[in-house]
């Protein structure tokens, strides 16, 4: 029995290896690359440019997309002609917009066809009123001092309202309240001016251009003291 076992072991060791060597794999990859380079007009340079372009397109579609600001509705935070980078992953994997976030959203069926940029003022379940006895917006019973956000000389709103934001939607306002078409303008329309969270494309994260105006659009703490719907005051 021992002799038979040793004989079978010798037979197995004499068989050719099943796996290709690293050198053969490298040569195979090199052959494929050479074929691709020879097939593309312009050779390696063109192929490199195509790969870079594909990478940029993938980033724009799935991760970070640039948008140009076409109007003054978000001044002085965002100016006409600013290019903002929108983080399309900010509200994925369970995260949702927060009060004070500047978001880009698809307004189709709610604001009108096209993409819009506004600031989140109310979340689903919030009770938003304008204005309180001090002339400020009130969210869930908490007065909000928006002075650092609003365009110089603007009031929080020239249009009075007292609304409750439906679950799963957002109440959105521009920082230049006197020159912004936002949720206030659609309060009597179908949808009531509330935009579903699912319509949000992403969070405006940075101003990328012009260079002199570059900075991060981090969430403001103006709304930090606002309690959750039905919660205690901050």
Foldseek 3Di string as FASTA:
>chain_A
DVVVVVVVVVVVVPDDDPDDDPVVVVVVVVVVLQVVQVVDPVGPVVVVVVVVVVVVVCCCVAAKNKDAACDCLAPPLDDHGWIFIFGQCCCPPPRFDDAQFWFWFQCVPQQHGDIDTFGFHDAAFWWWWADPPVQAIAILNRGFDCVVRADPPDGNEPDTDTDHAHHQWTFTGHRPRVPDDALSVCCPPVVRRTGGRVRTRGTRFWGPPDPVSTDGSDGDCRCVQRDDNVDDGD
